């Protein structure tokens, strides 16, 4: 994550339910390096616990 520095970046957060209706959240970051190469890094996956789309 140190190579983000002064780069343009965005965070990506998405939620999905599986067939057992358990919510899962994914967090990632996408940024542009100095040579204009787009890089995407996976940060974490988490489960929703109260079925209200809250990460805990």
PDB file of N, CA and C in Angstrom:
ATOM      1  N   UNK A   1       0.814  -1.198   0.000  1.00  0.00           N
ATOM      2  CA  UNK A   1       0.000   0.000   0.000  1.00  0.00           C
ATOM      3  C   UNK A   1       0.856   1.261   0.000  1.00  0.00           C
ATOM      4  N   UNK A   2       2.132   1.138   0.265  1.00  0.00           N
ATOM      5  CA  UNK A   2       3.003   2.314   0.285  1.00  0.00           C
ATOM      6  C   UNK A   2       3.157   2.956  -1.083  1.00  0.00           C
ATOM      7  N   UNK A   3       2.952   2.201  -2.169  1.00  0.00           N
ATOM      8  CA  UNK A   3       3.154   2.764  -3.503  1.00  0.00           C
ATOM      9  C   UNK A   3       1.965   3.594  -3.991  1.00  0.00           C
ATOM     10  N   UNK A   4       0.940   3.792  -3.173  1.00  0.00           N
ATOM     11  CA  UNK A   4      -0.162   4.686  -3.553  1.00  0.00           C
ATOM     12  C   UNK A   4       0.312   6.137  -3.490  1.00  0.00           C
ATOM     13  N   UNK A   5       0.984   6.510  -2.411  1.00  0.00           N
ATOM     14  CA  UNK A   5       1.562   7.849  -2.188  1.00  0.00           C
ATOM     15  C   UNK A   5       0.704   8.964  -2.771  1.00  0.00           C
ATOM     16  N   UNK A   6       1.159   9.576  -3.858  1.00  0.00           N
ATOM     17  CA  UNK A   6       0.449  10.706  -4.462  1.00  0.00           C
ATOM     18  C   UNK A   6      -0.405  10.290  -5.654  1.00  0.00           C
ATOM     19  N   UNK A   7      -0.683   9.014  -5.784  1.00  0.00           N
ATOM     20  CA  UNK A   7      -1.448   8.504  -6.928  1.00  0.00           C
ATOM     21  C   UNK A   7      -2.931   8.814  -6.790  1.00  0.00           C
ATOM     22  N   UNK A   8      -3.610   8.827  -7.926  1.00  0.00           N
ATOM     23  CA  UNK A   8      -5.067   8.846  -7.906  1.00  0.00           C
ATOM     24  C   UNK A   8      -5.528   7.459  -7.506  1.00  0.00           C
ATOM     25  N   UNK A   9      -6.545   7.389  -6.641  1.00  0.00           N
ATOM     26  CA  UNK A   9      -7.011   6.080  -6.204  1.00  0.00           C
ATOM     27  C   UNK A   9      -8.502   6.108  -5.925  1.00  0.00           C
ATOM     28  N   UNK A  10      -9.097   4.928  -5.845  1.00  0.00           N
ATOM     29  CA  UNK A  10     -10.497   4.771  -5.474  1.00  0.00           C
ATOM     30  C   UNK A  10     -10.632   3.528  -4.614  1.00  0.00           C
ATOM     31  N   UNK A  11     -11.619   3.538  -3.748  1.00  0.00           N
ATOM     32  CA  UNK A  11     -11.918   2.344  -2.961  1.00  0.00           C
ATOM     33  C   UNK A  11     -13.139   1.671  -3.569  1.00  0.00           C
ATOM     34  N   UNK A  12     -13.130   0.362  -3.544  1.00  0.00           N
ATOM     35  CA  UNK A  12     -14.230  -0.427  -4.083  1.00  0.00           C
ATOM     36  C   UNK A  12     -14.786  -1.283  -2.952  1.00  0.00           C
ATOM     37  N   UNK A  13     -16.079  -1.171  -2.703  1.00  0.00           N
ATOM     38  CA  UNK A  13     -16.742  -1.960  -1.669  1.00  0.00           C
ATOM     39  C   UNK A  13     -17.965  -2.588  -2.305  1.00  0.00           C
ATOM     40  N   UNK A  14     -18.119  -3.901  -2.119  1.00  0.00           N
ATOM     41  CA  UNK A  14     -19.259  -4.598  -2.703  1.00  0.00           C
ATOM     42  C   UNK A  14     -19.795  -5.603  -1.703  1.00  0.00           C
ATOM     43  N   UNK A  15     -21.087  -5.856  -1.764  1.00  0.00           N
ATOM     44  CA  UNK A  15     -21.763  -6.791  -0.872  1.00  0.00           C
ATOM     45  C   UNK A  15     -22.532  -7.782  -1.715  1.00  0.00           C
ATOM     46  N   UNK A  16     -22.562  -9.010  -1.258  1.00  0.00           N
ATOM     47  CA  UNK A  16     -23.285 -10.049  -1.973  1.00  0.00           C
ATOM     48  C   UNK A  16     -23.806 -11.077  -0.984  1.00  0.00           C
ATOM     49  N   UNK A  17     -24.940 -11.671  -1.291  1.00  0.00           N
ATOM     50  CA  UNK A  17     -25.485 -12.757  -0.472  1.00  0.00           C
ATOM     51  C   UNK A  17     -25.279 -14.070  -1.203  1.00  0.00           C
ATOM     52  N   UNK A  18     -24.904 -15.104  -0.457  1.00  0.00           N
ATOM     53  CA  UNK A  18     -24.793 -16.423  -1.073  1.00  0.00           C
ATOM     54  C   UNK A  18     -26.130 -17.151  -0.946  1.00  0.00           C
ATOM     55  N   UNK A  19     -26.195 -18.410  -1.359  1.00  0.00           N
ATOM     56  CA  UNK A  19     -27.463 -19.147  -1.374  1.00  0.00           C
ATOM     57  C   UNK A  19     -28.029 -19.358   0.022  1.00  0.00           C
ATOM     58  N   UNK A  20     -27.203 -19.286   1.056  1.00  0.00           N
ATOM     59  CA  UNK A  20     -27.701 -19.425   2.427  1.00  0.00           C
ATOM     60  C   UNK A  20     -28.053 -18.061   3.020  1.00  0.00           C
ATOM     61  N   UNK A  21     -28.127 -17.036   2.189  1.00  0.00           N
ATOM     62  CA  UNK A  21     -28.462 -15.640   2.526  1.00  0.00           C
ATOM     63  C   UNK A  21     -27.469 -14.996   3.497  1.00  0.00           C
ATOM     64  N   UNK A  22     -26.237 -15.471   3.541  1.00  0.00           N
ATOM     65  CA  UNK A  22     -25.209 -14.828   4.362  1.00  0.00           C
ATOM     66  C   UNK A  22     -24.543 -13.730   3.540  1.00  0.00           C
ATOM     67  N   UNK A  23     -24.452 -12.541   4.130  1.00  0.00           N
ATOM     68  CA  UNK A  23     -23.849 -11.406   3.440  1.00  0.00           C
ATOM     69  C   UNK A  23     -22.331 -11.469   3.531  1.00  0.00           C
ATOM     70  N   UNK A  24     -21.672 -11.110   2.435  1.00  0.00           N
ATOM     71  CA  UNK A  24     -20.221 -11.018   2.401  1.00  0.00           C
ATOM     72  C   UNK A  24     -19.841  -9.689   1.767  1.00  0.00           C
ATOM     73  N   UNK A  25     -18.873  -9.009   2.368  1.00  0.00           N
ATOM     74  CA  UNK A  25     -18.395  -7.724   1.880  1.00  0.00           C
ATOM     75  C   UNK A  25     -16.957  -7.860   1.404  1.00  0.00           C
ATOM     76  N   UNK A  26     -16.639  -7.209   0.317  1.00  0.00           N
ATOM     77  CA  UNK A  26     -15.274  -7.179  -0.206  1.00  0.00           C
ATOM     78  C   UNK A  26     -14.832  -5.722  -0.284  1.00  0.00           C
ATOM     79  N   UNK A  27     -13.606  -5.462   0.150  1.00  0.00           N
ATOM     80  CA  UNK A  27     -13.025  -4.121   0.077  1.00  0.00           C
ATOM     81  C   UNK A  27     -11.730  -4.214  -0.728  1.00  0.00           C
ATOM     82  N   UNK A  28     -11.593  -3.329  -1.716  1.00  0.00           N
ATOM     83  CA  UNK A  28     -10.389  -3.293  -2.554  1.00  0.00           C
ATOM     84  C   UNK A  28     -10.050  -1.835  -2.850  1.00  0.00           C
ATOM     85  N   UNK A  29      -8.836  -1.614  -3.308  1.00  0.00           N
ATOM     86  CA  UNK A  29      -8.406  -0.273  -3.713  1.00  0.00           C
ATOM     87  C   UNK A  29      -7.794  -0.378  -5.108  1.00  0.00           C
ATOM     88  N   UNK A  30      -8.084   0.607  -5.943  1.00  0.00           N
ATOM     89  CA  UNK A  30      -7.531   0.660  -7.302  1.00  0.00           C
ATOM     90  C   UNK A  30      -6.819   2.003  -7.441  1.00  0.00           C
ATOM     91  N   UNK A  31      -5.592   1.969  -7.997  1.00  0.00           N
ATOM     92  CA  UNK A  31      -4.830   3.202  -8.144  1.00  0.00           C
ATOM     93  C   UNK A  31      -3.982   3.160  -9.402  1.00  0.00           C
ATOM     94  N   UNK A  32      -3.491   4.334  -9.798  1.00  0.00           N
ATOM     95  CA  UNK A  32      -2.671   4.473 -11.001  1.00  0.00           C
ATOM     96  C   UNK A  32      -1.233   4.753 -10.567  1.00  0.00           C
ATOM     97  N   UNK A  33      -0.305   3.908 -11.010  1.00  0.00           N
ATOM     98  CA  UNK A  33       1.112   4.103 -10.690  1.00  0.00           C
ATOM     99  C   UNK A  33       1.720   5.193 -11.563  1.00  0.00           C
ATOM    100  N   UNK A  34       2.977   5.513 -11.288  1.00  0.00           N
ATOM    101  CA  UNK A  34       3.675   6.586 -12.012  1.00  0.00           C
ATOM    102  C   UNK A  34       3.730   6.350 -13.513  1.00  0.00           C
ATOM    103  N   UNK A  35       3.816   5.105 -13.949  1.00  0.00           N
ATOM    104  CA  UNK A  35       3.902   4.792 -15.384  1.00  0.00           C
ATOM    105  C   UNK A  35       2.523   4.570 -16.008  1.00  0.00           C
ATOM    106  N   UNK A  36       1.484   5.095 -15.376  1.00  0.00           N
ATOM    107  CA  UNK A  36       0.094   5.002 -15.844  1.00  0.00           C
ATOM    108  C   UNK A  36      -0.443   3.581 -15.860  1.00  0.00           C
ATOM    109  N   UNK A  37       0.130   2.715 -15.054  1.00  0.00           N
ATOM    110  CA  UNK A  37      -0.373   1.345 -14.935  1.00  0.00           C
ATOM    111  C   UNK A  37      -1.418   1.302 -13.821  1.00  0.00           C
ATOM    112  N   UNK A  38      -2.600   0.726 -14.114  1.00  0.00           N
ATOM    113  CA  UNK A  38      -3.670   0.607 -13.131  1.00  0.00           C
ATOM    114  C   UNK A  38      -3.428  -0.647 -12.293  1.00  0.00           C
ATOM    115  N   UNK A  39      -3.428  -0.476 -10.973  1.00  0.00           N
ATOM    116  CA  UNK A  39      -3.189  -1.564 -10.029  1.00  0.00           C
ATOM    117  C   UNK A  39      -4.416  -1.700  -9.136  1.00  0.00           C
ATOM    118  N   UNK A  40      -4.844  -2.928  -8.880  1.00  0.00           N
ATOM    119  CA  UNK A  40      -5.951  -3.179  -7.968  1.00  0.00           C
ATOM    120  C   UNK A  40      -5.475  -4.126  -6.885  1.00  0.00           C
ATOM    121  N   UNK A  41      -5.746  -3.775  -5.615  1.00  0.00           N
ATOM    122  CA  UNK A  41      -5.323  -4.583  -4.482  1.00  0.00           C
ATOM    123  C   UNK A  41      -6.529  -4.955  -3.631  1.00  0.00           C
ATOM    124  N   UNK A  42      -6.635  -6.229  -3.337  1.00  0.00           N
ATOM    125  CA  UNK A  42      -7.662  -6.752  -2.446  1.00  0.00           C
ATOM    126  C   UNK A  42      -7.276  -6.408  -1.012  1.00  0.00           C
ATOM    127  N   UNK A  43      -8.193  -5.843  -0.244  1.00  0.00           N
ATOM    128  CA  UNK A  43      -7.904  -5.461   1.138  1.00  0.00           C
ATOM    129  C   UNK A  43      -8.458  -6.487   2.117  1.00  0.00           C
ATOM    130  N   UNK A  44      -9.756  -6.793   2.036  1.00  0.00           N
ATOM    131  CA  UNK A  44     -10.325  -7.758   2.981  1.00  0.00           C
ATOM    132  C   UNK A  44     -11.678  -8.261   2.494  1.00  0.00           C
ATOM    133  N   UNK A  45     -12.127  -9.320   3.127  1.00  0.00           N
ATOM    134  CA  UNK A  45     -13.481  -9.838   2.967  1.00  0.00           C
ATOM    135  C   UNK A  45     -14.046  -9.981   4.369  1.00  0.00           C
ATOM    136  N   UNK A  46     -15.289  -9.601   4.540  1.00  0.00           N
ATOM    137  CA  UNK A  46     -15.917  -9.639   5.850  1.00  0.00           C
ATOM    138  C   UNK A  46     -17.343 -10.145   5.702  1.00  0.00           C
ATOM    139  N   UNK A  47     -17.884 -10.638   6.783  1.00  0.00           N
ATOM    140  CA  UNK A  47     -19.253 -11.155   6.792  1.00  0.00           C
ATOM    141  C   UNK A  47     -20.163 -10.165   7.510  1.00  0.00           C
ATOM    142  N   UNK A  48     -21.382  -9.992   6.997  1.00  0.00           N
ATOM    143  CA  UNK A  48     -22.382  -9.188   7.680  1.00  0.00           C
ATOM    144  C   UNK A  48     -23.001 -10.029   8.781  1.00  0.00           C
ATOM    145  N   UNK A  49     -23.138  -9.446   9.973  1.00  0.00           N
ATOM    146  CA  UNK A  49     -23.595 -10.241  11.111  1.00  0.00           C
ATOM    147  C   UNK A  49     -25.032  -9.969  11.505  1.00  0.00           C
ATOM    148  N   UNK A  50     -25.542  -8.796  11.208  1.00  0.00           N
ATOM    149  CA  UNK A  50     -26.889  -8.475  11.672  1.00  0.00           C
ATOM    150  C   UNK A  50     -27.894  -8.354  10.536  1.00  0.00           C
ATOM    151  N   UNK A  51     -27.535  -8.797   9.351  1.00  0.00           N
ATOM    152  CA  UNK A  51     -28.387  -8.758   8.161  1.00  0.00           C
ATOM    153  C   UNK A  51     -28.871  -7.351   7.830  1.00  0.00           C
ATOM    154  N   UNK A  52     -28.138  -6.340   8.274  1.00  0.00           N
ATOM    155  CA  UNK A  52     -28.491  -4.956   7.981  1.00  0.00           C
ATOM    156  C   UNK A  52     -27.393  -4.278   7.171  1.00  0.00           C
ATOM    157  N   UNK A  53     -26.566  -5.078   6.508  1.00  0.00           N
ATOM    158  CA  UNK A  53     -25.473  -4.582   5.668  1.00  0.00           C
ATOM    159  C   UNK A  53     -24.482  -3.728   6.452  1.00  0.00           C
ATOM    160  N   UNK A  54     -24.223  -4.100   7.699  1.00  0.00           N
ATOM    161  CA  UNK A  54     -23.223  -3.403   8.520  1.00  0.00           C
ATOM    162  C   UNK A  54     -22.002  -4.284   8.688  1.00  0.00           C
ATOM    163  N   UNK A  55     -20.826  -3.734   8.393  1.00  0.00           N
ATOM    164  CA  UNK A  55     -19.592  -4.472   8.640  1.00  0.00           C
ATOM    165  C   UNK A  55     -19.238  -4.312  10.108  1.00  0.00           C
ATOM    166  N   UNK A  56     -18.982  -5.412  10.762  1.00  0.00           N
ATOM    167  CA  UNK A  56     -18.612  -5.360  12.181  1.00  0.00           C
ATOM    168  C   UNK A  56     -17.328  -6.085  12.406  1.00  0.00           C
TER     169      UNK A  56
END
